[in-house]
Protein backbone atom coordinates (compact mmCIF):
# COMPACT_ATOMS: atom_id res chain seq x y z
CA MET A 1 127.74 95.75 101.74
CA LEU A 2 124.92 98.25 102.25
CA TYR A 3 121.51 97.03 103.33
CA LYS A 4 118.72 98.29 101.08
CA MET A 5 115.72 99.88 102.74
CA ILE A 6 112.22 101.05 101.87
CA ASP A 7 110.74 103.63 104.23
CA LEU A 8 106.97 103.15 104.56
CA PHE A 9 104.95 105.94 106.23
CA ALA A 10 108.07 108.06 105.66
CA GLY A 11 106.85 111.46 106.81
CA CYS A 12 109.64 113.99 106.33
CA GLY A 13 112.29 111.28 106.60
CA GLY A 14 113.58 111.63 110.16
CA LEU A 15 113.88 107.88 110.72
CA GLU A 16 115.42 107.46 107.27
CA ASP A 17 117.96 110.15 108.18
CA GLY A 18 119.14 108.04 111.10
CA PHE A 19 119.60 104.98 108.93
CA LEU A 20 121.50 106.96 106.29
CA GLN A 21 123.70 108.58 108.95
CA SER A 22 124.85 105.14 110.07
CA GLY A 23 126.42 104.57 106.65
CA ARG A 24 125.09 101.00 106.55
CA TYR A 25 121.90 101.50 104.52
CA GLU A 26 120.94 102.53 101.02
CA ASP A 27 117.61 104.24 100.50
CA ILE A 28 115.85 102.75 97.48
CA ALA A 29 112.28 103.98 98.05
CA ALA A 30 109.99 105.83 100.42
CA VAL A 31 106.19 106.04 100.58
CA GLU A 32 104.28 108.95 102.12
CA TRP A 33 100.77 110.19 101.32
CA LEU A 34 100.95 113.83 102.46
CA GLN A 35 102.33 116.16 99.80
CA PRO A 36 104.12 118.68 102.09
CA GLN A 37 106.04 115.83 103.74
CA VAL A 38 106.88 114.34 100.34
CA ARG A 39 108.29 117.68 99.16
CA THR A 40 110.33 118.01 102.37
CA LEU A 41 111.68 114.46 102.08
CA VAL A 42 112.63 114.90 98.41
CA HIS A 43 114.40 118.16 99.26
CA ARG A 44 116.25 116.54 102.18
CA LEU A 45 117.40 113.57 100.09
CA LYS A 46 118.61 115.84 97.29
CA THR A 47 120.37 118.48 99.40
CA LYS A 48 121.61 116.63 102.48
CA TRP A 49 122.28 113.20 100.99
CA LYS A 50 123.00 114.23 97.35
CA ILE A 51 120.49 111.70 96.00
CA GLU A 52 119.82 113.11 92.54
CA ASP A 53 116.89 110.80 91.70
CA ALA A 54 114.98 111.55 94.93
CA GLU A 55 111.79 112.35 92.98
CA ASP A 56 111.89 108.81 91.57
CA ARG A 57 112.48 107.19 94.95
CA VAL A 58 109.72 108.92 96.92
CA MET A 59 106.15 107.86 96.15
CA CYS A 60 103.28 110.14 97.16
CA PHE A 61 100.67 107.45 97.75
CA ASP A 62 98.15 106.21 100.31
CA ILE A 63 99.70 102.85 101.23
CA GLN A 64 96.35 101.49 102.42
CA ARG A 65 95.29 101.15 98.77
CA GLU A 66 96.99 97.75 98.57
CA GLU A 67 95.84 96.55 95.15
CA GLU A 68 97.15 99.67 93.45
CA LEU A 69 100.34 99.61 95.49
CA TYR A 70 101.12 96.07 94.36
CA TYR A 71 99.96 96.35 90.75
CA GLY A 72 100.40 100.04 89.93
CA TRP A 73 98.09 102.98 89.32
CA SER A 74 97.68 105.46 86.52
CA ASP A 75 96.21 108.65 88.01
CA ASP A 76 95.07 110.04 91.33
CA SER A 77 94.22 113.71 91.65
CA THR A 78 93.79 113.41 95.44
CA PHE A 79 97.20 112.11 96.47
CA HIS A 80 99.64 113.09 93.78
CA HIS A 81 101.33 116.23 92.71
CA GLU A 82 102.39 116.05 89.06
CA LYS A 83 106.02 116.73 89.91
CA TYR A 84 106.20 113.65 92.15
CA PHE A 85 103.66 111.40 90.43
CA GLN A 86 104.85 108.27 88.70
CA MET A 87 103.23 105.04 87.60
CA VAL A 88 105.02 102.53 89.78
CA SER A 89 104.27 99.57 91.98
CA ILE A 90 106.03 97.63 94.72
CA ALA A 91 106.40 94.82 92.18
CA ASP A 92 108.49 97.19 90.03
CA ILE A 93 110.73 98.03 92.99
CA LYS A 94 110.99 94.37 94.05
CA GLN A 95 112.53 93.48 90.68
CA ASP A 96 115.58 95.50 91.72
CA LEU A 97 115.76 93.68 95.06
CA THR A 98 115.65 90.01 94.13
CA VAL A 99 119.43 89.69 93.94
CA THR A 100 119.95 91.25 97.36
CA GLU A 101 116.80 90.17 99.17
CA LYS A 102 118.74 89.29 102.35
CA GLY A 103 119.86 92.91 102.53
CA LEU A 104 116.37 94.38 102.22
CA ILE A 105 114.94 96.18 105.22
CA ILE A 106 111.37 97.52 105.11
CA LEU A 107 110.72 100.20 107.70
């Protein structure tokens, strides 16, 4: 069984790389607020780890905006790039985790 993980403050994904290399973890989401790092992480997940839906898994968002993180947001010209922008919330991601909550690791 793979443990599911969410990488908060993901940067370019170096820590996530280590977890994926172990073969024991499944990346289900990552949050980073700097666009260059988001682009690098998406590229790494797609090319190195063959994760086709990397754009859907990586959120370009300032995690300190808690209300919007929990309940979703609709637009933010400061922190999003249209290619990576999506209306999503942690509550949306959590729905996928309820069955395997014991296997969830939040970095």
